C-alpha atoms as a PDB file:
ATOM      1  CA  MET A   1      83.313 111.143 112.377  1.00  0.00           C
ATOM      2  CA  THR A   2      83.867 108.845 115.350  1.00  0.00           C
ATOM      3  CA  THR A   3      86.517 111.044 116.958  1.00  0.00           C
ATOM      4  CA  THR A   4      86.238 114.594 118.246  1.00  0.00           C
ATOM      5  CA  LEU A   5      88.270 117.413 119.687  1.00  0.00           C
ATOM      6  CA  GLU A   6      87.011 119.837 122.273  1.00  0.00           C
ATOM      7  CA  PRO A   7      86.548 123.470 121.122  1.00  0.00           C
ATOM      8  CA  SER A   8      89.263 124.551 123.574  1.00  0.00           C
ATOM      9  CA  GLU A   9      91.720 122.215 121.873  1.00  0.00           C
ATOM     10  CA  ILE A  10      91.024 123.769 118.477  1.00  0.00           C
ATOM     11  CA  ALA A  11      91.121 127.357 119.709  1.00  0.00           C
ATOM     12  CA  SER A  12      94.352 126.818 121.629  1.00  0.00           C
ATOM     13  CA  GLY A  13      96.082 126.219 118.344  1.00  0.00           C
ATOM     14  CA  ILE A  14      97.989 123.042 117.965  1.00  0.00           C
ATOM     15  CA  SER A  15      99.408 121.927 121.294  1.00  0.00           C
ATOM     16  CA  ALA A  16      96.548 119.557 122.124  1.00  0.00           C
ATOM     17  CA  THR A  17      96.826 117.643 118.837  1.00  0.00           C
ATOM     18  CA  ASP A  18     100.634 117.857 118.664  1.00  0.00           C
ATOM     19  CA  ARG A  19     100.924 114.945 121.077  1.00  0.00           C
ATOM     20  CA  GLN A  20      98.643 112.640 119.061  1.00  0.00           C
ATOM     21  CA  LEU A  21      99.731 113.022 115.449  1.00  0.00           C
ATOM     22  CA  THR A  22      99.785 110.058 113.109  1.00  0.00           C
ATOM     23  CA  ALA A  23     103.297 108.593 112.839  1.00  0.00           C
ATOM     24  CA  ALA A  24     105.546 108.889 109.803  1.00  0.00           C
ATOM     25  CA  ALA A  25     105.659 105.192 109.010  1.00  0.00           C
ATOM     26  CA  LEU A  26     101.893 105.242 108.475  1.00  0.00           C
ATOM     27  CA  ILE A  27     101.760 108.152 105.991  1.00  0.00           C
ATOM     28  CA  CYS A  28     103.013 108.421 102.438  1.00  0.00           C
ATOM     29  CA  VAL A  29     103.040 111.697 100.505  1.00  0.00           C
ATOM     30  CA  ASP A  30     104.263 112.008  96.918  1.00  0.00           C
ATOM     31  CA  TYR A  31     104.899 115.543  95.664  1.00  0.00           C
ATOM     32  CA  ILE A  32     104.805 115.924  91.891  1.00  0.00           C
ATOM     33  CA  ALA A  33     106.400 118.885  90.146  1.00  0.00           C
ATOM     34  CA  PRO A  34     103.805 120.737  88.048  1.00  0.00           C
ATOM     35  CA  PRO A  35     104.356 120.782  84.269  1.00  0.00           C
ATOM     36  CA  ALA A  36     105.917 124.022  83.036  1.00  0.00           C
ATOM     37  CA  ALA A  37     102.635 125.222  81.509  1.00  0.00           C
ATOM     38  CA  ILE A  38     100.943 125.409  84.915  1.00  0.00           C
ATOM     39  CA  ALA A  39     103.958 126.275  87.084  1.00  0.00           C
ATOM     40  CA  PRO A  40     102.814 129.920  87.529  1.00  0.00           C
ATOM     41  CA  PHE A  41      99.549 128.611  88.997  1.00  0.00           C
ATOM     42  CA  VAL A  42     100.534 125.515  90.976  1.00  0.00           C
ATOM     43  CA  THR A  43     103.121 125.212  93.740  1.00  0.00           C
ATOM     44  CA  THR A  44     102.997 121.413  93.770  1.00  0.00           C
ATOM     45  CA  LEU A  45     100.763 118.501  92.808  1.00  0.00           C
ATOM     46  CA  TYR A  46     100.466 115.734  95.394  1.00  0.00           C
ATOM     47  CA  HIS A  47      99.161 112.278  96.323  1.00  0.00           C
ATOM     48  CA  PHE A  48      98.592 111.615 100.050  1.00  0.00           C
ATOM     49  CA  ARG A  49      97.631 108.285 101.596  1.00  0.00           C
ATOM     50  CA  CYS A  50      97.295 106.752 105.031  1.00  0.00           C
ATOM     51  CA  ASP A  51      95.358 103.589 105.831  1.00  0.00           C
ATOM     52  CA  GLU A  52      94.965 104.047 109.583  1.00  0.00           C
ATOM     53  CA  ALA A  53      91.524 104.035 111.190  1.00  0.00           C
ATOM     54  CA  VAL A  54      92.037 107.573 112.531  1.00  0.00           C
ATOM     55  CA  ILE A  55      94.417 110.178 111.063  1.00  0.00           C
ATOM     56  CA  ARG A  56      95.461 113.335 112.899  1.00  0.00           C
ATOM     57  CA  ASP A  57      97.691 115.915 111.264  1.00  0.00           C
ATOM     58  CA  ILE A  58      98.147 119.657 110.931  1.00  0.00           C
ATOM     59  CA  GLN A  59      97.973 121.788 107.798  1.00  0.00           C
ATOM     60  CA  PRO A  60     100.398 124.720 108.041  1.00  0.00           C
ATOM     61  CA  ALA A  61      99.150 128.167 107.020  1.00  0.00           C
ATOM     62  CA  SER A  62      99.141 127.936 103.251  1.00  0.00           C
ATOM     63  CA  VAL A  63      97.828 129.135  99.947  1.00  0.00           C
ATOM     64  CA  GLY A  64      94.685 127.644  98.378  1.00  0.00           C
ATOM     65  CA  ASN A  65      94.336 123.996  97.473  1.00  0.00           C
ATOM     66  CA  LEU A  66      92.145 122.036  95.055  1.00  0.00           C
ATOM     67  CA  CYS A  67      91.752 118.624  96.688  1.00  0.00           C
ATOM     68  CA  PHE A  68      89.985 115.336  95.891  1.00  0.00           C
ATOM     69  CA  PHE A  69      89.276 112.665  98.528  1.00  0.00           C
ATOM     70  CA  PRO A  70      88.641 109.128  97.199  1.00  0.00           C
ATOM     71  CA  TYR A  71      88.855 107.687 100.719  1.00  0.00           C
ATOM     72  CA  GLY A  72      88.329 109.160 104.168  1.00  0.00           C
ATOM     73  CA  THR A  73      85.737 111.223 106.010  1.00  0.00           C
ATOM     74  CA  GLY A  74      86.937 114.039 108.199  1.00  0.00           C
ATOM     75  CA  GLU A  75      87.110 117.687 109.139  1.00  0.00           C
ATOM     76  CA  MET A  76      89.380 120.682 109.291  1.00  0.00           C
ATOM     77  CA  LEU A  77      89.130 122.208 112.777  1.00  0.00           C
ATOM     78  CA  PHE A  78      89.458 125.971 112.560  1.00  0.00           C
ATOM     79  CA  ALA A  79      90.558 128.129 115.496  1.00  0.00           C
ATOM     80  CA  GLN A  80      87.643 130.494 114.831  1.00  0.00           C
ATOM     81  CA  GLY A  81      85.386 127.676 116.090  1.00  0.00           C
ATOM     82  CA  HIS A  82      83.919 126.238 112.884  1.00  0.00           C
ATOM     83  CA  ARG A  83      84.547 122.825 111.335  1.00  0.00           C
ATOM     84  CA  ASP A  84      84.415 122.086 107.607  1.00  0.00           C
ATOM     85  CA  PRO A  85      84.075 118.529 106.248  1.00  0.00           C
ATOM     86  CA  ASN A  86      86.317 117.204 103.512  1.00  0.00           C
ATOM     87  CA  HIS A  87      83.879 117.282 100.612  1.00  0.00           C
ATOM     88  CA  MET A  88      84.796 114.604  98.047  1.00  0.00           C
ATOM     89  CA  MET A  89      85.808 117.439  95.687  1.00  0.00           C
ATOM     90  CA  GLY A  90      87.114 120.210  97.922  1.00  0.00           C
ATOM     91  CA  LEU A  91      88.558 123.699  97.667  1.00  0.00           C
ATOM     92  CA  MET A  92      90.658 124.721 100.651  1.00  0.00           C
ATOM     93  CA  THR A  93      90.865 128.502 100.799  1.00  0.00           C
ATOM     94  CA  PRO A  94      94.097 130.236 101.913  1.00  0.00           C
ATOM     95  CA  LEU A  95      94.791 129.597 105.603  1.00  0.00           C
ATOM     96  CA  SER A  96      95.762 132.339 108.041  1.00  0.00           C
ATOM     97  CA  ARG A  97      97.189 129.897 110.602  1.00  0.00           C
ATOM     98  CA  ALA A  98      97.988 126.214 111.093  1.00  0.00           C
ATOM     99  CA  THR A  99      94.839 124.087 111.204  1.00  0.00           C
ATOM    100  CA  PRO A 100      94.311 120.573 112.641  1.00  0.00           C
ATOM    101  CA  ILE A 101      92.933 117.801 110.451  1.00  0.00           C
ATOM    102  CA  LEU A 102      90.994 114.864 111.901  1.00  0.00           C
ATOM    103  CA  VAL A 103      89.906 112.006 109.606  1.00  0.00           C
ATOM    104  CA  ASP A 104      88.318 108.574 109.893  1.00  0.00           C
ATOM    105  CA  GLY A 105      90.463 106.508 107.540  1.00  0.00           C
ATOM    106  CA  PRO A 106      91.694 105.120 105.386  1.00  0.00           C
ATOM    107  CA  PHE A 107      92.482 108.564 103.993  1.00  0.00           C
ATOM    108  CA  HIS A 108      93.676 109.134 100.428  1.00  0.00           C
ATOM    109  CA  ALA A 109      93.841 112.496  98.645  1.00  0.00           C
ATOM    110  CA  PHE A 110      95.252 113.988  95.471  1.00  0.00           C
ATOM    111  CA  GLY A 111      95.232 117.510  94.127  1.00  0.00           C
ATOM    112  CA  ALA A 112      97.134 120.751  93.682  1.00  0.00           C
ATOM    113  CA  ALA A 113      98.429 123.490  95.959  1.00  0.00           C
ATOM    114  CA  LEU A 114      97.826 126.828  94.237  1.00  0.00           C
ATOM    115  CA  THR A 115     100.093 129.850  94.075  1.00  0.00           C
ATOM    116  CA  PRO A 116      98.471 133.236  94.808  1.00  0.00           C
ATOM    117  CA  ILE A 117      98.238 133.764  91.044  1.00  0.00           C
ATOM    118  CA  GLY A 118      96.708 130.321  90.601  1.00  0.00           C
ATOM    119  CA  TRP A 119      94.144 130.919  93.339  1.00  0.00           C
ATOM    120  CA  ALA A 120      92.993 134.170  91.735  1.00  0.00           C
ATOM    121  CA  ALA A 121      93.083 132.921  88.142  1.00  0.00           C
ATOM    122  CA  LEU A 122      91.173 129.727  88.926  1.00  0.00           C
ATOM    123  CA  THR A 123      88.615 130.915  91.489  1.00  0.00           C
ATOM    124  CA  GLY A 124      88.311 134.686  91.058  1.00  0.00           C
ATOM    125  CA  LEU A 125      87.730 134.870  94.825  1.00  0.00           C
ATOM    126  CA  HIS A 126      89.096 137.471  97.236  1.00  0.00           C
ATOM    127  CA  ALA A 127      91.539 135.421  99.320  1.00  0.00           C
ATOM    128  CA  GLY A 128      91.133 137.592 102.405  1.00  0.00           C
ATOM    129  CA  GLN A 129      87.338 137.474 102.430  1.00  0.00           C
ATOM    130  CA  CYS A 130      87.072 133.690 102.162  1.00  0.00           C
ATOM    131  CA  ARG A 131      90.156 132.460 104.018  1.00  0.00           C
ATOM    132  CA  ASP A 132      90.108 129.586 106.516  1.00  0.00           C
ATOM    133  CA  ARG A 133      87.466 127.379 104.866  1.00  0.00           C
ATOM    134  CA  LEU A 134      87.229 123.997 103.158  1.00  0.00           C
ATOM    135  CA  LEU A 135      84.474 124.453 100.567  1.00  0.00           C
ATOM    136  CA  PRO A 136      82.747 122.089  98.143  1.00  0.00           C
ATOM    137  CA  ALA A 137      84.694 122.776  94.962  1.00  0.00           C
ATOM    138  CA  ALA A 138      81.550 122.949  92.819  1.00  0.00           C
ATOM    139  CA  SER A 139      80.271 125.913  94.829  1.00  0.00           C
ATOM    140  CA  VAL A 140      83.091 127.946  93.270  1.00  0.00           C
ATOM    141  CA  LEU A 141      84.128 126.093  90.118  1.00  0.00           C
ATOM    142  CA  GLY A 142      80.741 124.821  88.986  1.00  0.00           C
ATOM    143  CA  PRO A 143      79.440 121.314  88.193  1.00  0.00           C
ATOM    144  CA  VAL A 144      82.312 120.568  85.815  1.00  0.00           C
ATOM    145  CA  ILE A 145      84.609 119.946  88.785  1.00  0.00           C
ATOM    146  CA  ASP A 146      82.187 117.368  90.213  1.00  0.00           C
ATOM    147  CA  THR A 147      82.100 115.580  86.861  1.00  0.00           C
ATOM    148  CA  LEU A 148      85.883 115.493  86.717  1.00  0.00           C
ATOM    149  CA  GLY A 149      86.220 114.499  90.363  1.00  0.00           C
ATOM    150  CA  GLN A 150      83.751 111.632  90.123  1.00  0.00           C
ATOM    151  CA  SER A 151      85.566 110.302  87.051  1.00  0.00           C
ATOM    152  CA  LEU A 152      89.023 110.525  88.646  1.00  0.00           C
ATOM    153  CA  ILE A 153      87.907 109.086  91.979  1.00  0.00           C
ATOM    154  CA  ALA A 154      86.228 106.125  90.253  1.00  0.00           C
ATOM    155  CA  ALA A 155      89.370 105.486  88.206  1.00  0.00           C
ATOM    156  CA  TYR A 156      91.520 105.728  91.337  1.00  0.00           C
ATOM    157  CA  ARG A 157      89.329 103.363  93.366  1.00  0.00           C
ATOM    158  CA  GLU A 158      89.249 100.853  90.511  1.00  0.00           C
ATOM    159  CA  GLU A 159      93.045 101.197  90.104  1.00  0.00           C
ATOM    160  CA  ARG A 160      92.705 102.328  86.502  1.00  0.00           C
ATOM    161  CA  MET A 161      94.654 105.526  87.349  1.00  0.00           C
ATOM    162  CA  SER A 162      97.453 106.078  89.832  1.00  0.00           C
ATOM    163  CA  GLY A 163      97.458 108.916  92.351  1.00  0.00           C
ATOM    164  CA  ARG A 164     100.156 110.615  90.292  1.00  0.00           C
ATOM    165  CA  ASP A 165      98.067 110.415  87.113  1.00  0.00           C
ATOM    166  CA  CYS A 166      95.017 111.764  88.956  1.00  0.00           C
ATOM    167  CA  ALA A 167      97.034 114.670  90.338  1.00  0.00           C
ATOM    168  CA  LEU A 168      98.360 115.464  86.859  1.00  0.00           C
ATOM    169  CA  ALA A 169      94.772 115.422  85.566  1.00  0.00           C
ATOM    170  CA  VAL A 170      93.860 117.971  88.240  1.00  0.00           C
ATOM    171  CA  GLY A 171      96.750 120.070  86.973  1.00  0.00           C
ATOM    172  CA  ASP A 172      95.407 119.795  83.425  1.00  0.00           C
ATOM    173  CA  PHE A 173      92.014 121.035  84.634  1.00  0.00           C
ATOM    174  CA  ILE A 174      93.645 124.044  86.282  1.00  0.00           C
ATOM    175  CA  GLY A 175      95.609 124.866  83.139  1.00  0.00           C
ATOM    176  CA  GLN A 176      92.439 124.748  81.039  1.00  0.00           C
ATOM    177  CA  ASN A 177      90.322 126.843  83.411  1.00  0.00           C
ATOM    178  CA  VAL A 178      92.493 129.698  84.662  1.00  0.00           C
ATOM    179  CA  LYS A 179      91.461 133.164  83.555  1.00  0.00           C
ATOM    180  CA  PRO A 180      93.599 136.234  82.844  1.00  0.00           C
ATOM    181  CA  ILE A 181      94.577 138.556  85.700  1.00  0.00           C
ATOM    182  CA  ASN A 182      95.077 142.301  85.411  1.00  0.00           C
ATOM    183  CA  PRO A 183      98.746 142.710  84.323  1.00  0.00           C
ATOM    184  CA  ARG A 184      99.343 145.434  86.927  1.00  0.00           C
ATOM    185  CA  HIS A 185      98.044 143.080  89.593  1.00  0.00           C
ATOM    186  CA  LEU A 186     100.463 140.428  88.347  1.00  0.00           C
ATOM    187  CA  ASP A 187     103.287 142.925  88.756  1.00  0.00           C
ATOM    188  CA  LEU A 188     102.169 143.616  92.319  1.00  0.00           C
ATOM    189  CA  ILE A 189     101.936 139.891  93.160  1.00  0.00           C
ATOM    190  CA  ALA A 190     105.443 139.298  91.821  1.00  0.00           C
ATOM    191  CA  ALA A 191     106.799 142.316  93.691  1.00  0.00           C
ATOM    192  CA  THR A 192     105.147 141.133  96.902  1.00  0.00           C
ATOM    193  CA  GLY A 193     106.805 137.730  96.509  1.00  0.00           C
ATOM    194  CA  ARG A 194     110.202 139.386  96.086  1.00  0.00           C
ATOM    195  CA  TRP A 195     109.486 141.602  99.096  1.00  0.00           C
ATOM    196  CA  LEU A 196     108.625 138.596 101.257  1.00  0.00           C
ATOM    197  CA  GLY A 197     111.694 136.676 100.148  1.00  0.00           C
ATOM    198  CA  ALA A 198     114.176 139.504 100.632  1.00  0.00           C
ATOM    199  CA  SER A 199     114.139 139.571 104.432  1.00  0.00           C
ATOM    200  CA  PHE A 200     112.717 137.849 107.489  1.00  0.00           C
ATOM    201  CA  ASN A 201     111.267 141.212 108.545  1.00  0.00           C
ATOM    202  CA  PRO A 202     110.523 143.240 105.399  1.00  0.00           C
ATOM    203  CA  GLU A 203     109.361 146.807 105.917  1.00  0.00           C
ATOM    204  CA  VAL A 204     105.727 147.321 104.945  1.00  0.00           C
ATOM    205  CA  GLY A 205     106.592 150.802 103.715  1.00  0.00           C
ATOM    206  CA  ASP A 206     108.801 149.264 101.024  1.00  0.00           C
ATOM    207  CA  LEU A 207     105.663 148.103  99.202  1.00  0.00           C
ATOM    208  CA  SER A 208     104.305 151.632  98.819  1.00  0.00           C
ATOM    209  CA  GLY A 209     104.296 152.716  95.198  1.00  0.00           C
ATOM    210  CA  ILE A 210     104.737 149.223  93.768  1.00  0.00           C
ATOM    211  CA  ALA A 211     103.170 148.930  90.305  1.00  0.00           C
ATOM    212  CA  GLY A 212     102.020 152.536  90.686  1.00  0.00           C
ATOM    213  CA  TYR A 213      99.688 151.823  93.612  1.00  0.00           C
ATOM    214  CA  SER A 214      99.323 153.877  96.772  1.00  0.00           C
ATOM    215  CA  ALA A 215     100.039 152.304 100.169  1.00  0.00           C
ATOM    216  CA  ARG A 216      96.319 151.846 100.797  1.00  0.00           C
ATOM    217  CA  GLN A 217      95.762 150.216  97.403  1.00  0.00           C
ATOM    218  CA  VAL A 218      98.714 147.901  97.984  1.00  0.00           C
ATOM    219  CA  GLN A 219      97.263 146.810 101.318  1.00  0.00           C
ATOM    220  CA  ARG A 220      93.894 145.987  99.733  1.00  0.00           C
ATOM    221  CA  LEU A 221      95.395 144.120  96.788  1.00  0.00           C
ATOM    222  CA  VAL A 222      97.855 142.100  98.874  1.00  0.00           C
ATOM    223  CA  GLU A 223      94.985 140.904 101.051  1.00  0.00           C
ATOM    224  CA  ARG A 224      92.923 140.132  97.952  1.00  0.00           C
ATOM    225  CA  TYR A 225      95.588 137.866  96.446  1.00  0.00           C
ATOM    226  CA  PHE A 226      97.475 136.532  99.482  1.00  0.00           C
ATOM    227  CA  GLY A 227      94.678 136.407 102.050  1.00  0.00           C
ATOM    228  CA  LEU A 228      96.376 138.619 104.657  1.00  0.00           C
ATOM    229  CA  THR A 229      97.445 142.232 105.012  1.00  0.00           C
ATOM    230  CA  PRO A 230     101.127 142.900 104.250  1.00  0.00           C
ATOM    231  CA  ARG A 231     102.079 143.022 107.938  1.00  0.00           C
ATOM    232  CA  ALA A 232     100.311 139.741 108.763  1.00  0.00           C
ATOM    233  CA  LEU A 233     101.646 138.167 105.561  1.00  0.00           C
ATOM    234  CA  ALA A 234     105.207 139.047 106.558  1.00  0.00           C
ATOM    235  CA  ARG A 235     104.626 137.384 109.961  1.00  0.00           C
ATOM    236  CA  LYS A 236     103.316 134.238 108.269  1.00  0.00           C
ATOM    237  CA  TYR A 237     106.233 133.856 105.882  1.00  0.00           C
ATOM    238  CA  ARG A 238     108.790 134.717 108.544  1.00  0.00           C
ATOM    239  CA  ALA A 239     107.485 131.745 110.526  1.00  0.00           C
ATOM    240  CA  LEU A 240     107.327 129.452 107.483  1.00  0.00           C
ATOM    241  CA  ARG A 241     110.837 130.364 106.344  1.00  0.00           C
ATOM    242  CA  ALA A 242     112.260 129.952 109.843  1.00  0.00           C
ATOM    243  CA  ALA A 243     110.533 126.587 110.168  1.00  0.00           C
ATOM    244  CA  ALA A 244     111.895 125.408 106.812  1.00  0.00           C
ATOM    245  CA  LEU A 245     115.439 126.238 107.967  1.00  0.00           C
ATOM    246  CA  LEU A 246     114.988 124.735 111.425  1.00  0.00           C
ATOM    247  CA  SER A 247     113.604 121.492 109.980  1.00  0.00           C
ATOM    248  CA  ALA A 248     116.705 120.950 107.830  1.00  0.00           C
ATOM    249  CA  PRO A 249     119.143 118.212 108.930  1.00  0.00           C
ATOM    250  CA  GLN A 250     121.884 120.815 109.418  1.00  0.00           C
ATOM    251  CA  LEU A 251     121.436 124.471 110.341  1.00  0.00           C
ATOM    252  CA  SER A 252     124.314 126.769 109.411  1.00  0.00           C
ATOM    253  CA  MET A 253     125.596 129.306 111.913  1.00  0.00           C
ATOM    254  CA  GLU A 254     124.551 132.087 109.525  1.00  0.00           C
ATOM    255  CA  ASP A 255     120.981 130.807 109.271  1.00  0.00           C
ATOM    256  CA  ASP A 256     120.810 130.289 113.018  1.00  0.00           C
ATOM    257  CA  ALA A 257     121.906 133.867 113.612  1.00  0.00           C
ATOM    258  CA  GLU A 258     119.469 135.235 111.041  1.00  0.00           C
ATOM    259  CA  ILE A 259     116.556 133.385 112.637  1.00  0.00           C
ATOM    260  CA  ALA A 260     117.540 134.598 116.112  1.00  0.00           C
ATOM    261  CA  GLU A 261     117.679 138.178 114.867  1.00  0.00           C
ATOM    262  CA  ALA A 262     114.289 137.895 113.128  1.00  0.00           C
ATOM    263  CA  PHE A 263     112.325 137.381 116.369  1.00  0.00           C
ATOM    264  CA  PHE A 264     112.143 139.459 119.542  1.00  0.00           C
ATOM    265  CA  ASP A 265     113.216 136.496 121.670  1.00  0.00           C
ATOM    266  CA  GLN A 266     113.016 132.694 121.730  1.00  0.00           C
ATOM    267  CA  SER A 267     109.514 132.542 123.238  1.00  0.00           C
ATOM    268  CA  HIS A 268     108.270 134.881 120.485  1.00  0.00           C
ATOM    269  CA  MET A 269     109.773 132.585 117.851  1.00  0.00           C
ATOM    270  CA  ILE A 270     108.156 129.521 119.441  1.00  0.00           C
ATOM    271  CA  ARG A 271     104.735 131.177 119.532  1.00  0.00           C
ATOM    272  CA  GLU A 272     104.925 132.395 115.946  1.00  0.00           C
ATOM    273  CA  ILE A 273     106.068 129.063 114.525  1.00  0.00           C
ATOM    274  CA  ALA A 274     103.392 127.198 116.509  1.00  0.00           C
ATOM    275  CA  HIS A 275     100.732 129.637 115.277  1.00  0.00           C
ATOM    276  CA  PHE A 276     101.549 129.436 111.567  1.00  0.00           C
ATOM    277  CA  VAL A 277     103.238 126.045 111.213  1.00  0.00           C
ATOM    278  CA  GLY A 278     101.613 123.919 113.891  1.00  0.00           C
ATOM    279  CA  ARG A 279     104.660 122.718 115.806  1.00  0.00           C
ATOM    280  CA  THR A 280     107.067 124.076 118.338  1.00  0.00           C
ATOM    281  CA  PRO A 281     110.588 124.386 116.882  1.00  0.00           C
ATOM    282  CA  ALA A 282     111.676 121.267 118.771  1.00  0.00           C
ATOM    283  CA  ARG A 283     109.202 119.195 116.729  1.00  0.00           C
ATOM    284  CA  LEU A 284     110.060 120.554 113.289  1.00  0.00           C
ATOM    285  CA  SER A 285     112.666 117.926 112.447  1.00  0.00           C
ATOM    286  CA  ASP A 286     110.699 115.155 114.143  1.00  0.00           C
ATOM    287  CA  SER A 287     110.604 112.110 111.858  1.00  0.00           C
ATOM    288  CA  THR A 288     107.020 111.447 112.941  1.00  0.00           C
ATOM    289  CA  THR A 289     105.747 114.451 110.974  1.00  0.00           C
ATOM    290  CA  PRO A 290     106.405 113.800 107.272  1.00  0.00           C
ATOM    291  CA  TYR A 291     103.443 115.752 105.917  1.00  0.00           C
ATOM    292  CA  LEU A 292     104.482 118.873 107.776  1.00  0.00           C
ATOM    293  CA  ALA A 293     108.121 118.448 106.745  1.00  0.00           C
ATOM    294  CA  GLU A 294     107.123 118.361 103.077  1.00  0.00           C
ATOM    295  CA  MET A 295     104.691 121.289 103.328  1.00  0.00           C
ATOM    296  CA  ILE A 296     107.322 123.648 104.756  1.00  0.00           C
ATOM    297  CA  ASP A 297     110.086 122.498 102.411  1.00  0.00           C
ATOM    298  CA  ALA A 298     111.636 125.466 100.611  1.00  0.00           C
ATOM    299  CA  ARG A 299     110.338 124.312  97.220  1.00  0.00           C
ATOM    300  CA  ASN A 300     106.793 124.701  98.522  1.00  0.00           C
ATOM    301  CA  LEU A 301     107.410 128.379  99.289  1.00  0.00           C
ATOM    302  CA  ARG A 302     108.042 129.235  95.636  1.00  0.00           C
ATOM    303  CA  GLU A 303     105.637 132.157  95.774  1.00  0.00           C
ATOM    304  CA  LEU A 304     108.330 134.052  97.680  1.00  0.00           C
ATOM    305  CA  THR A 305     110.366 134.438  94.509  1.00  0.00           C
ATOM    306  CA  ARG A 306     107.676 134.729  91.827  1.00  0.00           C
END
């Protein structure tokens, strides 16, 4: 990397990078609907590209991501103080907060954003114990992912495969390598999604007894599959849902009132959205932030209704 951020800029969240983000006209992101066979496991497939010399952006708090990088060398800059490079074949673990990205370009990527079910079925990892990392994919998925990645990246660089075709091939790999999940756990994951989607401020006590589990068991399993405890998870999705509404071209009076009621006051809302999404509310509909706008689109929060 030829560019750096100071540790204080990373730890402060997003404000320091918010002023320097790469402009919309320089970034192109194609989101590709996953085939029906892998829809339970994949939120969206994607192809990202930017040919600038330096790219700065912010990844909102999200579920896991299997990502391939044919061009670009960079880092994710975590608030905890560590930096992870973008391995050519990478596995981004679930994120607990918005995380800056800094890359020497050009920067091209393709891959798949995983649902909580997809993360568990593909990796077998405890989402809460490994959150906030960008790992070499082979360290979790074995050498087969390096073989696939090298083949796809070579085909992409030689223009024998498009970014869309490469992303679909990643989806095929996921579909062929997911493993069964305990059916009772699946019931709990689905119930947790419904719980999150039912209200901006769902009551944690409402999860007690779901799928026959005690409150303590529910807490452990929610963190295992979603990466956060139920209370923290509700905070995260409150911010993401509010941001998705606020970024829309038109905000209805009903939605405006619901958002206002969901937070203690306006400063609380600003802090929460900045923490989990990476922008203040005033920047959410900014046309210079296309990647963020796509990532918080309602279709990319499908796990709320699964």
